[in-house]
């Protein structure tokens, strides 16, 4: 059985909840990513911000005095490093999320994206392994 820790990305781009919103826009465009985990100063996961969360900005016509906390999703589904890939892939199959944070003791330790699971499938298939 494969666990989240075996395929999770550990070197994660994160953003602080107090960061001005225009900075997260620049980070996402510059890094070519569609979402970021939001952490506090202790690297505790406090939310996630995605392209979808940022769509209301256009209606406001201003980025002045707005922070990541104003737009982020605060209730985030997370998994432990020991969570099975079966469990995570089932979650992705039934939800529209592209990524899930991996958390241990409230600390962000990684992220698993749908693409990570697809890469594992390709790897196992190439080795003629069952999964």
Protein backbone atom coordinates (compact mmCIF):
# COMPACT_ATOMS: atom_id res chain seq x y z
CA UNK A 1 0.00 0.00 0.00
CA UNK A 2 1.28 3.43 -0.92
CA UNK A 3 1.04 6.35 1.50
CA UNK A 4 0.83 10.10 0.94
CA UNK A 5 4.38 10.56 2.24
CA UNK A 6 5.72 8.41 -0.60
CA UNK A 7 4.50 10.78 -3.33
CA UNK A 8 3.89 14.14 -1.64
CA UNK A 9 5.78 17.24 -2.66
CA UNK A 10 7.75 18.45 0.34
CA UNK A 11 9.26 21.62 -1.09
CA UNK A 12 6.07 23.68 -1.17
CA UNK A 13 5.48 27.30 -2.06
CA UNK A 14 3.33 28.75 0.74
CA UNK A 15 1.92 32.15 1.60
CA UNK A 16 1.16 33.85 4.92
CA UNK A 17 -2.42 34.85 5.67
CA UNK A 18 -1.35 38.49 6.23
CA UNK A 19 0.28 38.83 2.83
CA UNK A 20 -1.24 41.53 0.61
CA UNK A 21 -3.49 39.96 -2.00
CA UNK A 22 -1.60 41.46 -4.94
CA UNK A 23 1.51 39.55 -3.81
CA UNK A 24 -0.26 36.18 -3.96
CA UNK A 25 -1.41 37.01 -7.49
CA UNK A 26 2.20 37.65 -8.50
CA UNK A 27 3.43 34.47 -6.78
CA UNK A 28 0.82 32.29 -8.49
CA UNK A 29 1.48 33.75 -11.93
CA UNK A 30 5.26 33.74 -11.48
CA UNK A 31 5.40 30.15 -10.20
CA UNK A 32 2.69 28.96 -12.63
CA UNK A 33 0.62 27.38 -9.86
CA UNK A 34 -3.11 27.50 -9.31
CA UNK A 35 -3.22 27.33 -5.53
CA UNK A 36 -1.17 27.82 -2.40
CA UNK A 37 -1.37 26.55 1.16
CA UNK A 38 -1.74 29.42 3.63
CA UNK A 39 0.32 29.12 6.80
CA UNK A 40 0.87 31.17 9.94
CA UNK A 41 4.28 32.15 11.28
CA UNK A 42 4.68 28.68 12.86
CA UNK A 43 4.03 26.85 9.55
CA UNK A 44 0.61 25.74 10.81
CA UNK A 45 -1.87 25.32 7.98
CA UNK A 46 -4.64 27.93 8.31
CA UNK A 47 -6.18 27.76 4.85
CA UNK A 48 -5.65 27.48 1.13
CA UNK A 49 -6.01 30.03 -1.63
CA UNK A 50 -6.75 29.05 -5.22
CA UNK A 51 -7.47 30.75 -8.49
CA UNK A 52 -11.15 30.13 -7.83
CA UNK A 53 -10.94 31.99 -4.50
CA UNK A 54 -9.44 34.99 -6.29
CA UNK A 55 -12.23 35.46 -8.84
CA UNK A 56 -14.25 37.92 -6.65
CA UNK A 57 -11.34 40.39 -6.80
CA UNK A 58 -12.41 41.48 -10.27
CA UNK A 59 -15.75 42.64 -8.88
CA UNK A 60 -14.06 44.76 -6.17
CA UNK A 61 -11.89 46.69 -8.65
CA UNK A 62 -9.25 47.26 -5.96
CA UNK A 63 -6.47 45.39 -4.24
CA UNK A 64 -5.86 48.05 -1.60
CA UNK A 65 -5.71 46.79 2.01
CA UNK A 66 -6.83 43.28 1.07
CA UNK A 67 -4.90 40.27 2.33
CA UNK A 68 -4.83 36.57 1.62
CA UNK A 69 -7.04 36.07 4.72
CA UNK A 70 -9.83 38.01 2.99
CA UNK A 71 -10.09 35.43 0.18
CA UNK A 72 -8.64 32.12 1.37
CA UNK A 73 -10.68 29.03 2.12
CA UNK A 74 -10.35 28.43 5.85
CA UNK A 75 -11.86 24.95 6.15
CA UNK A 76 -9.43 22.74 4.29
CA UNK A 77 -9.56 18.98 3.87
CA UNK A 78 -6.20 17.55 4.88
CA UNK A 79 -4.62 14.13 5.09
CA UNK A 80 -1.86 12.72 7.27
CA UNK A 81 1.46 11.55 5.79
CA UNK A 82 0.32 7.98 6.51
CA UNK A 83 -2.97 8.31 4.57
CA UNK A 84 -3.29 5.75 1.80
CA UNK A 85 -3.14 6.80 -1.82
CA UNK A 86 -6.38 4.83 -2.27
CA UNK A 87 -8.11 7.12 0.22
CA UNK A 88 -6.73 10.28 -1.37
CA UNK A 89 -7.54 9.17 -4.92
CA UNK A 90 -11.11 8.38 -3.84
CA UNK A 91 -11.34 11.88 -2.38
CA UNK A 92 -10.14 13.40 -5.66
CA UNK A 93 -12.62 11.26 -7.61
CA UNK A 94 -15.54 12.64 -5.61
CA UNK A 95 -14.42 16.28 -5.20
CA UNK A 96 -13.21 18.97 -7.57
CA UNK A 97 -10.01 19.77 -5.65
CA UNK A 98 -6.68 19.61 -7.47
CA UNK A 99 -4.50 19.24 -4.39
CA UNK A 100 -4.70 18.37 -0.70
CA UNK A 101 -2.34 19.48 2.06
CA UNK A 102 -0.55 16.83 4.07
CA UNK A 103 -0.42 17.81 7.73
CA UNK A 104 1.23 16.37 10.82
CA UNK A 105 0.52 17.94 14.22
CA UNK A 106 -1.12 20.92 12.43
CA UNK A 107 2.14 21.57 10.55
CA UNK A 108 2.17 21.53 6.77
CA UNK A 109 4.60 18.80 5.70
CA UNK A 110 3.62 18.28 2.08
CA UNK A 111 1.01 18.42 -0.62
CA UNK A 112 -0.44 15.74 -2.89
CA UNK A 113 -1.89 16.77 -6.22
CA UNK A 114 -3.97 14.71 -8.62
CA UNK A 115 -0.98 14.79 -10.95
CA UNK A 116 1.16 13.04 -8.28
CA UNK A 117 -1.24 10.10 -8.24
CA UNK A 118 -1.30 9.95 -12.03
CA UNK A 119 2.51 9.93 -12.04
CA UNK A 120 2.49 7.03 -9.58
CA UNK A 121 0.06 5.08 -11.79
CA UNK A 122 2.31 5.63 -14.82
CA UNK A 123 5.37 4.58 -12.81
CA UNK A 124 3.72 1.39 -11.54
CA UNK A 125 2.29 0.55 -14.93
CA UNK A 126 5.77 0.92 -16.47
CA UNK A 127 7.12 -1.51 -13.91
CA UNK A 128 4.19 -3.88 -14.55
CA UNK A 129 3.15 -3.61 -10.90
CA UNK A 130 -0.39 -3.80 -9.67
CA UNK A 131 -1.89 -1.09 -7.57
